[in-house]
Amino acid sequence: MVFGKSKSIIDALGYHLSIAGVPCGACTSNLPLSGRISRNSQHASLIPQWQAACKGSEAAVVVLGDVGRSPRMCNHAIMLAEAGYRVKIFGFHDSDPEIPLTAYEPIEIVGLRAPPEMRSLPAAVQLPVKFVWNVFTLFFTLFFRTSHLHLRVILMQNPPGLPTMLVCYLISRLKTARLTVDWHNYTYSILRDKYNLEE
């Protein structure tokens, strides 16, 4: 499932919960972009059902970048935690998020090891080295730091689409989890602007 700025993360969560037998068809309309649900809203009656369905389940939020500079994904993590998931955020822990994630007990930040500094090298060298580094780092971290039995949702941020999407897809297949992509931008446009590549 892929969704972008026009839809809420709750659309994806509603889909996952429908698999669990929770009647959540009414919760995919007129919801705030952040995916947060007010207990005074028309959807409040669904909160206990969602929490019951998600209890014991795990969600992985993947940010192949600085977690502290990804408030959108942090909001998604909070929403998932409030729905009853145990949430692990995978990313580079270069700075602390402005959102106090430590106040939410089910949320854990799992730091990824950043690739070595290679600014002095040409893009033709940097890109393949970083690609291989991130593939192995992200794959093994996700594989060993998520539950083999209880991982239900993998929510990844795009960009970067490569290798994030490839690795998350493999993990989702290995652990029978649902993969959801928060589509921010096209990967090729980010690479083009960052490395001054031609069209």
N, C-alpha and C. Protein backbone atom coordinates (compact mmCIF):
# COMPACT_ATOMS: atom_id res chain seq x y z
N MET A 1 0.85 -1.19 0.00
CA MET A 1 0.00 0.00 0.00
C MET A 1 0.88 1.24 0.00
N VAL A 2 0.56 2.21 -0.84
CA VAL A 2 1.31 3.44 -0.95
C VAL A 2 0.38 4.60 -0.73
N PHE A 3 0.79 5.57 0.09
CA PHE A 3 -0.03 6.74 0.27
C PHE A 3 0.88 7.95 0.37
N GLY A 4 0.34 9.11 0.05
CA GLY A 4 1.16 10.32 0.04
C GLY A 4 0.59 11.39 0.94
N LYS A 5 0.89 12.64 0.60
CA LYS A 5 0.52 13.74 1.48
C LYS A 5 -0.98 13.95 1.55
N SER A 6 -1.70 13.48 0.56
CA SER A 6 -3.13 13.74 0.52
C SER A 6 -3.92 12.83 1.44
N LYS A 7 -3.28 11.79 1.95
CA LYS A 7 -3.99 10.86 2.81
C LYS A 7 -3.32 10.75 4.16
N SER A 8 -4.06 10.26 5.11
CA SER A 8 -3.54 10.09 6.45
C SER A 8 -2.96 8.70 6.63
N ILE A 9 -2.01 8.60 7.55
CA ILE A 9 -1.45 7.30 7.91
C ILE A 9 -2.55 6.39 8.42
N ILE A 10 -3.63 6.99 8.89
CA ILE A 10 -4.72 6.19 9.44
C ILE A 10 -5.36 5.33 8.36
N ASP A 11 -5.27 5.75 7.09
CA ASP A 11 -5.79 4.92 6.01
C ASP A 11 -5.08 3.57 6.01
N ALA A 12 -3.76 3.63 6.12
CA ALA A 12 -2.98 2.40 6.13
C ALA A 12 -3.28 1.58 7.37
N LEU A 13 -3.35 2.25 8.53
CA LEU A 13 -3.64 1.53 9.76
C LEU A 13 -5.02 0.90 9.70
N GLY A 14 -5.98 1.63 9.15
CA GLY A 14 -7.32 1.08 9.02
C GLY A 14 -7.33 -0.17 8.17
N TYR A 15 -6.51 -0.17 7.13
CA TYR A 15 -6.41 -1.35 6.27
C TYR A 15 -5.86 -2.53 7.04
N HIS A 16 -4.80 -2.29 7.82
CA HIS A 16 -4.21 -3.39 8.58
C HIS A 16 -5.20 -3.94 9.60
N LEU A 17 -5.94 -3.05 10.24
CA LEU A 17 -6.87 -3.50 11.26
C LEU A 17 -8.06 -4.22 10.65
N SER A 18 -8.41 -3.88 9.41
CA SER A 18 -9.49 -4.60 8.77
C SER A 18 -9.09 -6.05 8.55
N ILE A 19 -7.79 -6.29 8.36
CA ILE A 19 -7.30 -7.66 8.24
C ILE A 19 -7.52 -8.41 9.55
N ALA A 20 -7.41 -7.66 10.66
CA ALA A 20 -7.57 -8.27 11.98
C ALA A 20 -9.04 -8.40 12.38
N GLY A 21 -9.94 -7.98 11.51
CA GLY A 21 -11.35 -8.13 11.79
C GLY A 21 -11.97 -6.96 12.51
N VAL A 22 -11.29 -5.81 12.53
CA VAL A 22 -11.84 -4.63 13.19
C VAL A 22 -12.63 -3.82 12.18
N PRO A 23 -13.88 -3.49 12.46
CA PRO A 23 -14.69 -2.72 11.51
C PRO A 23 -14.26 -1.27 11.46
N CYS A 24 -13.33 -0.96 10.57
CA CYS A 24 -12.74 0.38 10.57
C CYS A 24 -13.01 1.13 9.27
N GLY A 25 -14.02 0.71 8.52
CA GLY A 25 -14.30 1.39 7.27
C GLY A 25 -14.65 2.86 7.45
N ALA A 26 -15.26 3.19 8.58
CA ALA A 26 -15.68 4.58 8.80
C ALA A 26 -14.53 5.48 9.19
N CYS A 27 -13.37 4.90 9.48
CA CYS A 27 -12.28 5.70 10.03
C CYS A 27 -11.33 6.20 8.96
N THR A 28 -11.64 5.99 7.70
CA THR A 28 -10.71 6.40 6.65
C THR A 28 -11.16 7.66 5.94
N SER A 29 -12.05 8.44 6.55
CA SER A 29 -12.49 9.68 5.92
C SER A 29 -12.47 10.81 6.93
N ASN A 30 -12.15 12.01 6.43
CA ASN A 30 -12.18 13.24 7.22
C ASN A 30 -11.32 13.14 8.48
N LEU A 31 -10.15 12.54 8.33
CA LEU A 31 -9.25 12.43 9.47
C LEU A 31 -8.10 13.41 9.31
N PRO A 32 -7.50 13.88 10.40
CA PRO A 32 -6.39 14.81 10.30
C PRO A 32 -5.19 14.16 9.64
N LEU A 33 -4.35 14.99 8.99
CA LEU A 33 -3.21 14.47 8.25
C LEU A 33 -2.26 13.69 9.14
N SER A 34 -2.12 14.12 10.39
CA SER A 34 -1.18 13.45 11.28
C SER A 34 -1.62 12.06 11.66
N GLY A 35 -2.90 11.75 11.47
CA GLY A 35 -3.39 10.43 11.83
C GLY A 35 -3.83 10.33 13.28
N ARG A 36 -3.73 11.44 14.03
CA ARG A 36 -4.13 11.41 15.43
C ARG A 36 -5.65 11.42 15.53
N ILE A 37 -6.19 10.68 16.45
CA ILE A 37 -7.64 10.58 16.62
C ILE A 37 -8.02 11.14 17.98
N SER A 38 -8.87 12.12 18.00
CA SER A 38 -9.36 12.68 19.24
C SER A 38 -10.36 11.72 19.87
N ARG A 39 -10.26 11.57 21.17
CA ARG A 39 -11.21 10.69 21.86
C ARG A 39 -12.61 11.29 21.89
N ASN A 40 -12.73 12.55 21.48
CA ASN A 40 -14.05 13.18 21.43
C ASN A 40 -14.62 13.17 20.02
N SER A 41 -13.88 12.59 19.07
CA SER A 41 -14.33 12.59 17.68
C SER A 41 -15.30 11.45 17.42
N GLN A 42 -15.83 11.43 16.20
CA GLN A 42 -16.76 10.36 15.82
C GLN A 42 -16.08 9.01 15.74
N HIS A 43 -14.76 9.01 15.70
CA HIS A 43 -14.01 7.76 15.59
C HIS A 43 -13.58 7.22 16.96
N ALA A 44 -13.92 7.95 18.03
CA ALA A 44 -13.44 7.58 19.35
C ALA A 44 -13.87 6.17 19.76
N SER A 45 -15.04 5.75 19.31
CA SER A 45 -15.54 4.43 19.70
C SER A 45 -14.68 3.30 19.13
N LEU A 46 -13.89 3.61 18.10
CA LEU A 46 -13.06 2.58 17.48
C LEU A 46 -11.74 2.39 18.21
N ILE A 47 -11.35 3.36 19.04
CA ILE A 47 -10.04 3.30 19.68
C ILE A 47 -9.85 2.03 20.50
N PRO A 48 -10.78 1.66 21.39
CA PRO A 48 -10.57 0.42 22.15
C PRO A 48 -10.45 -0.82 21.27
N GLN A 49 -11.22 -0.85 20.17
CA GLN A 49 -11.14 -2.00 19.27
C GLN A 49 -9.78 -2.06 18.59
N TRP A 50 -9.28 -0.90 18.18
CA TRP A 50 -7.97 -0.84 17.53
C TRP A 50 -6.89 -1.31 18.50
N GLN A 51 -6.95 -0.78 19.72
CA GLN A 51 -5.93 -1.13 20.71
C GLN A 51 -5.96 -2.61 21.03
N ALA A 52 -7.15 -3.18 21.10
CA ALA A 52 -7.27 -4.61 21.39
C ALA A 52 -6.71 -5.44 20.25
N ALA A 53 -6.99 -5.01 19.01
CA ALA A 53 -6.51 -5.77 17.85
C ALA A 53 -5.00 -5.68 17.70
N CYS A 54 -4.42 -4.53 18.10
CA CYS A 54 -2.98 -4.31 17.91
C CYS A 54 -2.15 -4.72 19.11
N LYS A 55 -2.78 -5.04 20.23
CA LYS A 55 -2.04 -5.36 21.44
C LYS A 55 -1.08 -6.51 21.20
N GLY A 56 0.19 -6.28 21.53
CA GLY A 56 1.20 -7.31 21.32
C GLY A 56 1.82 -7.28 19.95
N SER A 57 1.24 -6.49 19.03
CA SER A 57 1.78 -6.39 17.68
C SER A 57 2.88 -5.33 17.63
N GLU A 58 3.74 -5.47 16.66
CA GLU A 58 4.88 -4.57 16.53
C GLU A 58 4.83 -3.85 15.19
N ALA A 59 5.23 -2.59 15.19
CA ALA A 59 5.32 -1.79 13.97
C ALA A 59 6.72 -1.22 13.85
N ALA A 60 7.28 -1.28 12.65
CA ALA A 60 8.60 -0.70 12.38
C ALA A 60 8.42 0.53 11.51
N VAL A 61 8.93 1.66 11.99
CA VAL A 61 8.90 2.91 11.23
C VAL A 61 10.32 3.16 10.74
N VAL A 62 10.52 3.19 9.43
CA VAL A 62 11.86 3.24 8.86
C VAL A 62 12.11 4.61 8.24
N VAL A 63 13.14 5.28 8.76
CA VAL A 63 13.56 6.59 8.25
C VAL A 63 15.05 6.48 7.93
N LEU A 64 15.41 6.33 6.68
CA LEU A 64 16.83 6.25 6.33
C LEU A 64 17.39 7.66 6.26
N GLY A 65 17.37 8.31 7.43
CA GLY A 65 17.80 9.69 7.59
C GLY A 65 17.76 10.00 9.07
N ASP A 66 17.93 11.28 9.42
CA ASP A 66 17.94 11.70 10.81
C ASP A 66 16.53 11.65 11.39
N VAL A 67 16.35 10.84 12.42
CA VAL A 67 15.03 10.72 13.05
C VAL A 67 14.57 12.07 13.60
N GLY A 68 15.51 12.84 14.15
CA GLY A 68 15.17 14.13 14.73
C GLY A 68 14.64 15.14 13.73
N ARG A 69 14.92 14.93 12.47
CA ARG A 69 14.46 15.84 11.42
C ARG A 69 13.32 15.23 10.61
N SER A 70 12.66 14.28 11.20
CA SER A 70 11.54 13.61 10.53
C SER A 70 10.29 13.66 11.41
N PRO A 71 9.78 14.88 11.67
CA PRO A 71 8.62 14.99 12.57
C PRO A 71 7.39 14.26 12.05
N ARG A 72 7.24 14.19 10.74
CA ARG A 72 6.08 13.50 10.17
C ARG A 72 6.08 12.03 10.55
N MET A 73 7.25 11.38 10.44
CA MET A 73 7.34 9.97 10.78
C MET A 73 7.21 9.76 12.28
N CYS A 74 7.71 10.72 13.06
CA CYS A 74 7.54 10.64 14.52
C CYS A 74 6.06 10.71 14.89
N ASN A 75 5.31 11.55 14.19
CA ASN A 75 3.86 11.62 14.43
C ASN A 75 3.19 10.29 14.09
N HIS A 76 3.63 9.69 13.01
CA HIS A 76 3.09 8.38 12.65
C HIS A 76 3.39 7.35 13.74
N ALA A 77 4.61 7.42 14.28
CA ALA A 77 5.01 6.48 15.33
C ALA A 77 4.13 6.64 16.57
N ILE A 78 3.85 7.88 16.92
CA ILE A 78 2.99 8.15 18.08
C ILE A 78 1.58 7.61 17.84
N MET A 79 1.07 7.83 16.63
CA MET A 79 -0.27 7.34 16.30
C MET A 79 -0.33 5.82 16.40
N LEU A 80 0.70 5.16 15.89
CA LEU A 80 0.74 3.70 15.95
C LEU A 80 0.80 3.22 17.40
N ALA A 81 1.60 3.93 18.22
CA ALA A 81 1.70 3.57 19.64
C ALA A 81 0.37 3.75 20.35
N GLU A 82 -0.33 4.83 20.02
CA GLU A 82 -1.63 5.08 20.65
C GLU A 82 -2.66 4.04 20.22
N ALA A 83 -2.44 3.45 19.05
CA ALA A 83 -3.36 2.42 18.57
C ALA A 83 -3.07 1.06 19.19
N GLY A 84 -1.96 0.97 19.94
CA GLY A 84 -1.67 -0.28 20.63
C GLY A 84 -0.44 -1.02 20.16
N TYR A 85 0.23 -0.50 19.12
CA TYR A 85 1.43 -1.16 18.62
C TYR A 85 2.63 -0.87 19.51
N ARG A 86 3.56 -1.80 19.57
CA ARG A 86 4.91 -1.54 20.06
C ARG A 86 5.70 -1.05 18.85
N VAL A 87 6.24 0.15 18.93
CA VAL A 87 6.82 0.81 17.77
C VAL A 87 8.34 0.94 17.91
N LYS A 88 9.03 0.59 16.84
CA LYS A 88 10.47 0.82 16.76
C LYS A 88 10.75 1.71 15.55
N ILE A 89 11.45 2.82 15.80
CA ILE A 89 11.82 3.74 14.72
C ILE A 89 13.27 3.46 14.34
N PHE A 90 13.50 3.14 13.09
CA PHE A 90 14.84 2.84 12.60
C PHE A 90 15.34 4.02 11.77
N GLY A 91 16.48 4.59 12.18
CA GLY A 91 17.04 5.72 11.45
C GLY A 91 18.33 6.18 12.09
N PHE A 92 18.91 7.23 11.53
CA PHE A 92 20.13 7.80 12.08
C PHE A 92 19.74 8.72 13.23
N HIS A 93 20.28 8.45 14.40
CA HIS A 93 19.93 9.22 15.60
C HIS A 93 20.92 10.37 15.76
N ASP A 94 20.94 11.27 14.77
CA ASP A 94 21.87 12.40 14.82
C ASP A 94 21.37 13.51 15.74
N SER A 95 20.07 13.63 15.87
CA SER A 95 19.49 14.65 16.74
C SER A 95 18.20 14.11 17.35
N ASP A 96 17.83 14.68 18.48
CA ASP A 96 16.61 14.24 19.16
C ASP A 96 15.39 14.88 18.52
N PRO A 97 14.31 14.13 18.38
CA PRO A 97 13.07 14.69 17.82
C PRO A 97 12.50 15.77 18.73
N GLU A 98 11.88 16.78 18.13
CA GLU A 98 11.20 17.80 18.92
C GLU A 98 10.01 17.22 19.66
N ILE A 99 9.41 16.22 19.06
CA ILE A 99 8.28 15.54 19.70
C ILE A 99 8.84 14.62 20.79
N PRO A 100 8.38 14.73 22.03
CA PRO A 100 8.93 13.92 23.13
C PRO A 100 8.52 12.45 23.04
N LEU A 101 9.23 11.70 22.21
CA LEU A 101 8.88 10.29 22.02
C LEU A 101 9.09 9.47 23.29
N THR A 102 9.98 9.94 24.17
CA THR A 102 10.25 9.20 25.40
C THR A 102 9.02 9.13 26.31
N ALA A 103 8.05 10.01 26.06
CA ALA A 103 6.83 9.99 26.87
C ALA A 103 5.92 8.83 26.49
N TYR A 104 6.24 8.20 25.37
CA TYR A 104 5.43 7.08 24.89
C TYR A 104 6.22 5.79 25.08
N GLU A 105 5.84 5.04 26.08
CA GLU A 105 6.59 3.84 26.47
C GLU A 105 6.77 2.82 25.35
N PRO A 106 5.77 2.61 24.47
CA PRO A 106 5.95 1.57 23.45
C PRO A 106 6.87 1.97 22.30
N ILE A 107 7.43 3.20 22.32
CA ILE A 107 8.26 3.67 21.21
C ILE A 107 9.73 3.56 21.56
N GLU A 108 10.49 2.97 20.66
CA GLU A 108 11.94 2.82 20.83
C GLU A 108 12.64 3.28 19.56
N ILE A 109 13.69 4.09 19.70
CA ILE A 109 14.48 4.51 18.55
C ILE A 109 15.67 3.57 18.42
N VAL A 110 15.78 2.92 17.27
CA VAL A 110 16.89 2.02 16.98
C VAL A 110 17.81 2.73 15.99
N GLY A 111 18.99 3.12 16.46
CA GLY A 111 19.91 3.87 15.62
C GLY A 111 20.58 3.00 14.57
N LEU A 112 20.69 3.55 13.36
CA LEU A 112 21.43 2.89 12.29
C LEU A 112 22.81 3.51 12.19
N ARG A 113 23.79 2.71 11.85
CA ARG A 113 25.15 3.21 11.70
C ARG A 113 25.28 3.89 10.34
N ALA A 114 25.68 5.16 10.35
CA ALA A 114 25.78 5.92 9.11
C ALA A 114 26.99 5.47 8.30
N PRO A 115 26.91 5.59 6.98
CA PRO A 115 28.06 5.23 6.13
C PRO A 115 29.22 6.17 6.38
N PRO A 116 30.45 5.76 6.07
CA PRO A 116 31.61 6.61 6.29
C PRO A 116 31.55 7.88 5.45
N GLU A 117 32.24 8.91 5.92
CA GLU A 117 32.27 10.19 5.21
C GLU A 117 33.04 10.06 3.90
N MET A 118 32.40 10.48 2.80
CA MET A 118 33.03 10.32 1.48
C MET A 118 32.83 11.56 0.60
N ARG A 119 32.74 12.73 1.21
CA ARG A 119 32.45 13.93 0.43
C ARG A 119 33.55 14.26 -0.58
N SER A 120 34.76 13.83 -0.31
CA SER A 120 35.86 14.13 -1.23
C SER A 120 35.85 13.24 -2.46
N LEU A 121 35.03 12.20 -2.44
CA LEU A 121 34.98 11.26 -3.56
C LEU A 121 33.89 11.67 -4.55
N PRO A 122 34.05 11.32 -5.81
CA PRO A 122 33.01 11.64 -6.81
C PRO A 122 31.73 10.86 -6.55
N ALA A 123 30.63 11.38 -7.09
CA ALA A 123 29.33 10.75 -6.89
C ALA A 123 29.30 9.32 -7.41
N ALA A 124 30.07 9.06 -8.47
CA ALA A 124 30.11 7.71 -9.06
C ALA A 124 30.67 6.69 -8.09
N VAL A 125 31.44 7.14 -7.11
CA VAL A 125 31.98 6.24 -6.08
C VAL A 125 31.08 6.25 -4.85
N GLN A 126 30.63 7.44 -4.46
CA GLN A 126 29.81 7.56 -3.26
C GLN A 126 28.53 6.73 -3.34
N LEU A 127 27.81 6.86 -4.43
CA LEU A 127 26.49 6.23 -4.55
C LEU A 127 26.52 4.71 -4.39
N PRO A 128 27.38 3.99 -5.12
CA PRO A 128 27.37 2.53 -4.94
C PRO A 128 27.85 2.08 -3.57
N VAL A 129 28.84 2.80 -3.01
CA VAL A 129 29.34 2.42 -1.68
C VAL A 129 28.25 2.64 -0.63
N LYS A 130 27.60 3.79 -0.67
CA LYS A 130 26.53 4.06 0.29
C LYS A 130 25.36 3.09 0.11
N PHE A 131 25.09 2.75 -1.14
CA PHE A 131 23.99 1.82 -1.41
C PHE A 131 24.25 0.47 -0.75
N VAL A 132 25.43 -0.08 -0.97
CA VAL A 132 25.78 -1.39 -0.39
C VAL A 132 25.79 -1.31 1.13
N TRP A 133 26.38 -0.24 1.67
CA TRP A 133 26.45 -0.05 3.12
C TRP A 133 25.04 -0.03 3.72
N ASN A 134 24.17 0.78 3.13
CA ASN A 134 22.82 0.91 3.68
C ASN A 134 21.99 -0.36 3.51
N VAL A 135 22.21 -1.10 2.44
CA VAL A 135 21.49 -2.36 2.24
C VAL A 135 21.79 -3.32 3.39
N PHE A 136 23.07 -3.54 3.66
CA PHE A 136 23.44 -4.50 4.69
C PHE A 136 23.08 -4.00 6.09
N THR A 137 23.35 -2.72 6.35
CA THR A 137 23.06 -2.16 7.68
C THR A 137 21.56 -2.22 7.98
N LEU A 138 20.75 -1.75 7.03
CA LEU A 138 19.31 -1.71 7.26
C LEU A 138 18.71 -3.11 7.31
N PHE A 139 19.15 -3.99 6.42
CA PHE A 139 18.57 -5.33 6.38
C PHE A 139 18.82 -6.08 7.68
N PHE A 140 20.07 -6.13 8.12
CA PHE A 140 20.37 -6.92 9.32
C PHE A 140 19.81 -6.27 10.58
N THR A 141 19.75 -4.93 10.62
CA THR A 141 19.16 -4.27 11.78
C THR A 141 17.67 -4.57 11.87
N LEU A 142 16.97 -4.45 10.74
CA LEU A 142 15.54 -4.76 10.73
C LEU A 142 15.28 -6.24 11.03
N PHE A 143 16.12 -7.09 10.48
CA PHE A 143 15.89 -8.53 10.64
C PHE A 143 16.06 -8.96 12.10
N PHE A 144 17.10 -8.45 12.76
CA PHE A 144 17.39 -8.92 14.12
C PHE A 144 16.74 -8.07 15.21
N ARG A 145 16.30 -6.84 14.89
CA ARG A 145 15.73 -5.98 15.92
C ARG A 145 14.21 -5.89 15.86
N THR A 146 13.59 -6.66 14.98
CA THR A 146 12.13 -6.74 14.96
C THR A 146 11.70 -8.16 15.28
N SER A 147 10.49 -8.30 15.77
CA SER A 147 9.98 -9.61 16.16
C SER A 147 9.72 -10.48 14.94
N HIS A 148 10.09 -11.74 15.04
CA HIS A 148 9.83 -12.68 13.95
C HIS A 148 8.37 -13.11 13.92
N LEU A 149 7.68 -12.97 15.05
CA LEU A 149 6.30 -13.44 15.14
C LEU A 149 5.27 -12.32 15.19
N HIS A 150 5.66 -11.15 15.72
CA HIS A 150 4.66 -10.12 16.01
C HIS A 150 4.77 -8.87 15.15
N LEU A 151 5.74 -8.81 14.24
CA LEU A 151 5.83 -7.65 13.36
C LEU A 151 4.65 -7.66 12.39
N ARG A 152 3.85 -6.60 12.43
CA ARG A 152 2.66 -6.54 11.60
C ARG A 152 2.74 -5.46 10.52
N VAL A 153 3.41 -4.36 10.84
CA VAL A 153 3.44 -3.21 9.94
C VAL A 153 4.86 -2.70 9.77
N ILE A 154 5.26 -2.43 8.53
CA ILE A 154 6.50 -1.71 8.25
C ILE A 154 6.09 -0.44 7.52
N LEU A 155 6.34 0.70 8.14
CA LEU A 155 6.03 1.99 7.54
C LEU A 155 7.33 2.68 7.18
N MET A 156 7.59 2.89 5.91
CA MET A 156 8.85 3.49 5.47
C MET A 156 8.62 4.84 4.82
N GLN A 157 9.61 5.70 5.00
CA GLN A 157 9.58 7.03 4.38
C GLN A 157 10.33 6.99 3.05
N ASN A 158 9.72 7.57 2.04
CA ASN A 158 10.38 7.72 0.74
C ASN A 158 10.35 9.20 0.34
N PRO A 159 11.48 9.81 -0.04
CA PRO A 159 12.80 9.19 -0.21
C PRO A 159 13.51 8.99 1.11
N PRO A 160 14.60 8.23 1.07
CA PRO A 160 15.18 7.56 -0.10
C PRO A 160 14.46 6.26 -0.43
N GLY A 161 14.12 6.08 -1.69
CA GLY A 161 13.45 4.85 -2.10
C GLY A 161 14.41 3.68 -2.21
N LEU A 162 15.66 3.99 -2.54
CA LEU A 162 16.69 2.96 -2.63
C LEU A 162 17.76 3.24 -1.59
N PRO A 163 18.12 2.26 -0.79
CA PRO A 163 17.64 0.87 -0.84
C PRO A 163 16.48 0.59 0.11
N THR A 164 15.90 1.65 0.69
CA THR A 164 14.89 1.45 1.73
C THR A 164 13.74 0.55 1.29
N MET A 165 13.20 0.85 0.12
CA MET A 165 12.04 0.09 -0.35
C MET A 165 12.40 -1.37 -0.61
N LEU A 166 13.57 -1.60 -1.18
CA LEU A 166 14.02 -2.96 -1.46
C LEU A 166 14.16 -3.76 -0.17
N VAL A 167 14.84 -3.18 0.81
CA VAL A 167 15.08 -3.88 2.08
C VAL A 167 13.77 -4.09 2.83
N CYS A 168 12.95 -3.06 2.91
CA CYS A 168 11.68 -3.19 3.63
C CYS A 168 10.77 -4.22 2.98
N TYR A 169 10.80 -4.28 1.67
CA TYR A 169 9.99 -5.28 0.97
C TYR A 169 10.46 -6.69 1.32
N LEU A 170 11.78 -6.90 1.32
CA LEU A 170 12.32 -8.22 1.66
C LEU A 170 11.95 -8.62 3.09
N ILE A 171 12.09 -7.67 4.02
CA ILE A 171 11.75 -7.96 5.42
C ILE A 171 10.26 -8.24 5.56
N SER A 172 9.44 -7.48 4.85
CA SER A 172 7.99 -7.70 4.94
C SER A 172 7.61 -9.08 4.42
N ARG A 173 8.31 -9.56 3.41
CA ARG A 173 8.03 -10.89 2.89
C ARG A 173 8.52 -11.97 3.86
N LEU A 174 9.69 -11.76 4.42
CA LEU A 174 10.25 -12.75 5.34
C LEU A 174 9.43 -12.86 6.63
N LYS A 175 8.87 -11.73 7.08
CA LYS A 175 8.16 -11.73 8.35
C LYS A 175 6.65 -11.54 8.19
N THR A 176 6.18 -11.66 6.95
CA THR A 176 4.75 -11.55 6.64
C THR A 176 4.11 -10.31 7.27
N ALA A 177 4.80 -9.18 7.11
CA ALA A 177 4.28 -7.90 7.59
C ALA A 177 3.77 -7.08 6.42
N ARG A 178 2.88 -6.15 6.70
CA ARG A 178 2.35 -5.27 5.68
C ARG A 178 3.29 -4.08 5.48
N LEU A 179 3.65 -3.81 4.24
CA LEU A 179 4.55 -2.68 3.93
C LEU A 179 3.72 -1.49 3.46
N THR A 180 3.96 -0.35 4.11
CA THR A 180 3.29 0.89 3.74
C THR A 180 4.35 1.95 3.47
N VAL A 181 4.18 2.72 2.40
CA VAL A 181 5.16 3.73 2.00
C VAL A 181 4.55 5.12 2.16
N ASP A 182 5.23 5.97 2.93
CA ASP A 182 4.84 7.38 3.02
C ASP A 182 5.64 8.12 1.96
N TRP A 183 4.98 8.47 0.88
CA TRP A 183 5.66 8.97 -0.32
C TRP A 183 5.79 10.49 -0.23
N HIS A 184 7.01 10.97 0.07
CA HIS A 184 7.26 12.40 0.19
C HIS A 184 7.65 13.02 -1.14
N ASN A 185 8.48 12.32 -1.89
CA ASN A 185 9.03 12.88 -3.12
C ASN A 185 9.56 11.75 -3.97
N TYR A 186 9.96 12.07 -5.19
CA TYR A 186 10.54 11.06 -6.06
C TYR A 186 12.03 10.93 -5.77
N THR A 187 12.52 9.70 -5.64
CA THR A 187 13.91 9.46 -5.29
C THR A 187 14.86 10.03 -6.32
N TYR A 188 14.53 9.90 -7.60
CA TYR A 188 15.47 10.33 -8.63
C TYR A 188 15.68 11.84 -8.57
N SER A 189 14.64 12.61 -8.21
CA SER A 189 14.79 14.07 -8.14
C SER A 189 15.68 14.47 -6.97
N ILE A 190 15.61 13.72 -5.87
CA ILE A 190 16.47 14.00 -4.73
C ILE A 190 17.93 13.71 -5.08
N LEU A 191 18.19 12.57 -5.71
CA LEU A 191 19.55 12.22 -6.11
C LEU A 191 20.09 13.23 -7.12
N ARG A 192 19.26 13.65 -8.05
CA ARG A 192 19.69 14.59 -9.08
C ARG A 192 20.12 15.91 -8.46
N ASP A 193 19.33 16.42 -7.52
CA ASP A 193 19.65 17.70 -6.89
C ASP A 193 20.85 17.59 -5.96
N LYS A 194 20.96 16.47 -5.24
CA LYS A 194 22.05 16.32 -4.28
C LYS A 194 23.40 16.15 -4.95
N TYR A 195 23.43 15.39 -6.03
CA TYR A 195 24.71 15.08 -6.69
C TYR A 195 24.88 15.82 -8.02
N ASN A 196 24.01 16.80 -8.29
CA ASN A 196 24.12 17.59 -9.52
C ASN A 196 24.16 16.72 -10.77
N LEU A 197 23.28 15.73 -10.81
CA LEU A 197 23.24 14.82 -11.94
C LEU A 197 22.39 15.42 -13.05
N GLU A 198 22.68 15.03 -14.27
CA GLU A 198 21.93 15.51 -15.42
C GLU A 198 20.60 14.77 -15.51
N GLU A 199 19.65 15.38 -16.21
CA GLU A 199 18.35 14.74 -16.43
C GLU A 199 18.53 13.44 -17.20
